[in-house]
Amino acid sequence: MSKERKFKKRHCKYCEAKIDTIDYKDVNMLKFTLSERFKIMPRRLTGNCKKHQELATIAIKRARQSALIPYIVDRKNVVESPFDLIK
Protein backbone atom coordinates (compact mmCIF):
# COMPACT_ATOMS: atom_id res chain seq x y z
CA MET A 1 0.00 0.00 0.00
CA SER A 2 1.17 3.47 -0.74
CA LYS A 3 1.61 5.89 2.07
CA GLU A 4 -0.58 8.92 2.11
CA ARG A 5 1.38 12.09 1.67
CA LYS A 6 0.50 14.81 4.07
CA PHE A 7 1.31 18.24 2.79
CA LYS A 8 0.74 21.51 4.52
CA LYS A 9 -2.53 23.06 3.41
CA ARG A 10 -1.83 26.20 1.43
CA HIS A 11 -4.04 29.22 1.93
CA CYS A 12 -4.90 31.92 -0.52
CA LYS A 13 -2.90 35.08 0.23
CA TYR A 14 -5.58 37.23 -1.32
CA CYS A 15 -8.39 35.72 0.79
CA GLU A 16 -6.36 36.17 3.98
CA ALA A 17 -5.76 39.83 3.09
CA LYS A 18 -9.46 40.17 2.14
CA ILE A 19 -8.70 41.55 -1.31
CA ASP A 20 -11.63 41.61 -3.73
CA THR A 21 -9.89 42.99 -6.81
CA ILE A 22 -6.30 42.57 -7.93
CA ASP A 23 -4.79 45.65 -9.56
CA TYR A 24 -2.37 45.07 -12.42
CA LYS A 25 -0.28 48.07 -11.30
CA ASP A 26 0.51 46.47 -7.93
CA VAL A 27 3.47 44.40 -9.09
CA ASN A 28 4.65 43.60 -5.55
CA MET A 29 1.45 41.65 -4.91
CA LEU A 30 1.59 39.89 -8.28
CA LYS A 31 5.13 38.57 -7.78
CA PHE A 32 3.83 35.86 -5.44
CA THR A 33 2.03 34.32 -8.41
CA LEU A 34 5.03 34.49 -10.76
CA SER A 35 8.04 32.20 -11.00
CA GLU A 36 11.62 33.45 -11.27
CA ARG A 37 11.27 33.39 -15.06
CA PHE A 38 8.03 35.42 -14.85
CA LYS A 39 5.79 32.49 -15.70
CA ILE A 40 2.39 32.23 -14.04
CA MET A 41 2.53 29.57 -11.35
CA PRO A 42 -0.38 27.11 -11.01
CA ARG A 43 -2.86 27.08 -8.14
CA ARG A 44 -1.44 23.94 -6.59
CA LEU A 45 1.88 25.71 -6.01
CA THR A 46 0.64 29.14 -4.96
CA GLY A 47 -2.36 28.00 -2.93
CA ASN A 48 -4.65 30.60 -4.48
CA CYS A 49 -8.34 29.92 -4.69
CA LYS A 50 -9.91 29.68 -8.15
CA LYS A 51 -11.41 33.16 -8.06
CA HIS A 52 -8.19 34.91 -7.11
CA GLN A 53 -6.07 32.79 -9.46
CA GLU A 54 -8.22 33.91 -12.39
CA LEU A 55 -8.05 37.55 -11.26
CA ALA A 56 -4.27 37.31 -10.82
CA THR A 57 -3.87 35.77 -14.27
CA ILE A 58 -5.83 38.59 -15.88
CA ALA A 59 -3.86 41.19 -13.90
CA ILE A 60 -0.52 39.64 -14.90
CA LYS A 61 -1.51 39.61 -18.57
CA ARG A 62 -2.53 43.28 -18.37
CA ALA A 63 0.73 44.17 -16.60
CA ARG A 64 2.66 42.42 -19.36
CA GLN A 65 0.84 44.41 -22.03
CA SER A 66 1.61 47.67 -20.26
CA ALA A 67 5.30 46.61 -19.88
CA LEU A 68 5.30 46.47 -16.07
CA ILE A 69 6.28 42.78 -16.14
CA PRO A 70 8.40 41.22 -18.90
CA TYR A 71 7.03 38.37 -20.96
CA ILE A 72 10.21 36.31 -20.71
CA VAL A 73 13.59 36.48 -19.04
CA ASP A 74 16.65 36.10 -21.22
CA ARG A 75 18.56 32.91 -20.46
CA LYS A 76 21.89 34.43 -21.46
CA ASN A 77 21.66 37.34 -19.04
CA VAL A 78 20.91 35.51 -15.81
CA VAL A 79 20.01 37.75 -12.87
CA GLU A 80 20.06 36.55 -9.26
CA SER A 81 16.69 38.04 -8.41
CA PRO A 82 14.62 39.32 -11.36
CA PHE A 83 12.09 40.88 -8.98
CA ASP A 84 14.71 43.46 -7.96
CA LEU A 85 14.44 44.90 -11.46
CA ILE A 86 10.72 45.59 -10.95
CA LYS A 87 10.02 48.79 -9.08
C-alpha atoms as a PDB file:
ATOM      1  CA  MET A   1       0.000   0.000   0.000  1.00  0.00           C
ATOM      2  CA  SER A   2       1.174   3.470  -0.744  1.00  0.00           C
ATOM      3  CA  LYS A   3       1.611   5.894   2.074  1.00  0.00           C
ATOM      4  CA  GLU A   4      -0.578   8.916   2.113  1.00  0.00           C
ATOM      5  CA  ARG A   5       1.377  12.086   1.668  1.00  0.00           C
ATOM      6  CA  LYS A   6       0.499  14.809   4.071  1.00  0.00           C
ATOM      7  CA  PHE A   7       1.310  18.238   2.792  1.00  0.00           C
ATOM      8  CA  LYS A   8       0.745  21.513   4.524  1.00  0.00           C
ATOM      9  CA  LYS A   9      -2.531  23.063   3.409  1.00  0.00           C
ATOM     10  CA  ARG A  10      -1.832  26.202   1.429  1.00  0.00           C
ATOM     11  CA  HIS A  11      -4.040  29.220   1.933  1.00  0.00           C
ATOM     12  CA  CYS A  12      -4.901  31.919  -0.525  1.00  0.00           C
ATOM     13  CA  LYS A  13      -2.898  35.075   0.231  1.00  0.00           C
ATOM     14  CA  TYR A  14      -5.577  37.229  -1.323  1.00  0.00           C
ATOM     15  CA  CYS A  15      -8.387  35.716   0.789  1.00  0.00           C
ATOM     16  CA  GLU A  16      -6.358  36.168   3.980  1.00  0.00           C
ATOM     17  CA  ALA A  17      -5.762  39.830   3.088  1.00  0.00           C
ATOM     18  CA  LYS A  18      -9.462  40.165   2.140  1.00  0.00           C
ATOM     19  CA  ILE A  19      -8.701  41.552  -1.310  1.00  0.00           C
ATOM     20  CA  ASP A  20     -11.635  41.611  -3.731  1.00  0.00           C
ATOM     21  CA  THR A  21      -9.894  42.987  -6.813  1.00  0.00           C
ATOM     22  CA  ILE A  22      -6.303  42.572  -7.933  1.00  0.00           C
ATOM     23  CA  ASP A  23      -4.790  45.647  -9.559  1.00  0.00           C
ATOM     24  CA  TYR A  24      -2.372  45.069 -12.416  1.00  0.00           C
ATOM     25  CA  LYS A  25      -0.282  48.070 -11.300  1.00  0.00           C
ATOM     26  CA  ASP A  26       0.509  46.470  -7.929  1.00  0.00           C
ATOM     27  CA  VAL A  27       3.475  44.399  -9.088  1.00  0.00           C
ATOM     28  CA  ASN A  28       4.645  43.599  -5.545  1.00  0.00           C
ATOM     29  CA  MET A  29       1.453  41.653  -4.911  1.00  0.00           C
ATOM     30  CA  LEU A  30       1.595  39.890  -8.281  1.00  0.00           C
ATOM     31  CA  LYS A  31       5.129  38.575  -7.785  1.00  0.00           C
ATOM     32  CA  PHE A  32       3.830  35.863  -5.442  1.00  0.00           C
ATOM     33  CA  THR A  33       2.026  34.319  -8.407  1.00  0.00           C
ATOM     34  CA  LEU A  34       5.033  34.494 -10.759  1.00  0.00           C
ATOM     35  CA  SER A  35       8.040  32.196 -10.996  1.00  0.00           C
ATOM     36  CA  GLU A  36      11.620  33.450 -11.271  1.00  0.00           C
ATOM     37  CA  ARG A  37      11.272  33.389 -15.063  1.00  0.00           C
ATOM     38  CA  PHE A  38       8.031  35.415 -14.849  1.00  0.00           C
ATOM     39  CA  LYS A  39       5.787  32.486 -15.699  1.00  0.00           C
ATOM     40  CA  ILE A  40       2.385  32.232 -14.045  1.00  0.00           C
ATOM     41  CA  MET A  41       2.528  29.573 -11.346  1.00  0.00           C
ATOM     42  CA  PRO A  42      -0.381  27.108 -11.015  1.00  0.00           C
ATOM     43  CA  ARG A  43      -2.856  27.080  -8.138  1.00  0.00           C
ATOM     44  CA  ARG A  44      -1.441  23.944  -6.586  1.00  0.00           C
ATOM     45  CA  LEU A  45       1.884  25.708  -6.012  1.00  0.00           C
ATOM     46  CA  THR A  46       0.636  29.138  -4.965  1.00  0.00           C
ATOM     47  CA  GLY A  47      -2.356  28.001  -2.933  1.00  0.00           C
ATOM     48  CA  ASN A  48      -4.650  30.596  -4.479  1.00  0.00           C
ATOM     49  CA  CYS A  49      -8.342  29.920  -4.691  1.00  0.00           C
ATOM     50  CA  LYS A  50      -9.909  29.678  -8.149  1.00  0.00           C
ATOM     51  CA  LYS A  51     -11.415  33.158  -8.057  1.00  0.00           C
ATOM     52  CA  HIS A  52      -8.192  34.908  -7.106  1.00  0.00           C
ATOM     53  CA  GLN A  53      -6.069  32.789  -9.457  1.00  0.00           C
ATOM     54  CA  GLU A  54      -8.218  33.906 -12.387  1.00  0.00           C
ATOM     55  CA  LEU A  55      -8.049  37.545 -11.257  1.00  0.00           C
ATOM     56  CA  ALA A  56      -4.268  37.309 -10.822  1.00  0.00           C
ATOM     57  CA  THR A  57      -3.873  35.769 -14.273  1.00  0.00           C
ATOM     58  CA  ILE A  58      -5.830  38.590 -15.884  1.00  0.00           C
ATOM     59  CA  ALA A  59      -3.857  41.194 -13.905  1.00  0.00           C
ATOM     60  CA  ILE A  60      -0.517  39.637 -14.904  1.00  0.00           C
ATOM     61  CA  LYS A  61      -1.509  39.608 -18.573  1.00  0.00           C
ATOM     62  CA  ARG A  62      -2.530  43.281 -18.366  1.00  0.00           C
ATOM     63  CA  ALA A  63       0.732  44.167 -16.602  1.00  0.00           C
ATOM     64  CA  ARG A  64       2.660  42.417 -19.359  1.00  0.00           C
ATOM     65  CA  GLN A  65       0.837  44.409 -22.035  1.00  0.00           C
ATOM     66  CA  SER A  66       1.614  47.674 -20.257  1.00  0.00           C
ATOM     67  CA  ALA A  67       5.304  46.611 -19.883  1.00  0.00           C
ATOM     68  CA  LEU A  68       5.297  46.466 -16.072  1.00  0.00           C
ATOM     69  CA  ILE A  69       6.280  42.778 -16.138  1.00  0.00           C
ATOM     70  CA  PRO A  70       8.403  41.221 -18.897  1.00  0.00           C
ATOM     71  CA  TYR A  71       7.027  38.370 -20.963  1.00  0.00           C
ATOM     72  CA  ILE A  72      10.208  36.309 -20.714  1.00  0.00           C
ATOM     73  CA  VAL A  73      13.589  36.479 -19.038  1.00  0.00           C
ATOM     74  CA  ASP A  74      16.653  36.100 -21.223  1.00  0.00           C
ATOM     75  CA  ARG A  75      18.562  32.912 -20.457  1.00  0.00           C
ATOM     76  CA  LYS A  76      21.891  34.427 -21.460  1.00  0.00           C
ATOM     77  CA  ASN A  77      21.662  37.337 -19.037  1.00  0.00           C
ATOM     78  CA  VAL A  78      20.911  35.514 -15.807  1.00  0.00           C
ATOM     79  CA  VAL A  79      20.008  37.747 -12.874  1.00  0.00           C
ATOM     80  CA  GLU A  80      20.057  36.551  -9.265  1.00  0.00           C
ATOM     81  CA  SER A  81      16.692  38.039  -8.410  1.00  0.00           C
ATOM     82  CA  PRO A  82      14.622  39.319 -11.357  1.00  0.00           C
ATOM     83  CA  PHE A  83      12.095  40.884  -8.976  1.00  0.00           C
ATOM     84  CA  ASP A  84      14.713  43.461  -7.964  1.00  0.00           C
ATOM     85  CA  LEU A  85      14.440  44.897 -11.461  1.00  0.00           C
ATOM     86  CA  ILE A  86      10.716  45.589 -10.949  1.00  0.00           C
ATOM     87  CA  LYS A  87      10.024  48.788  -9.078  1.00  0.00           C
END
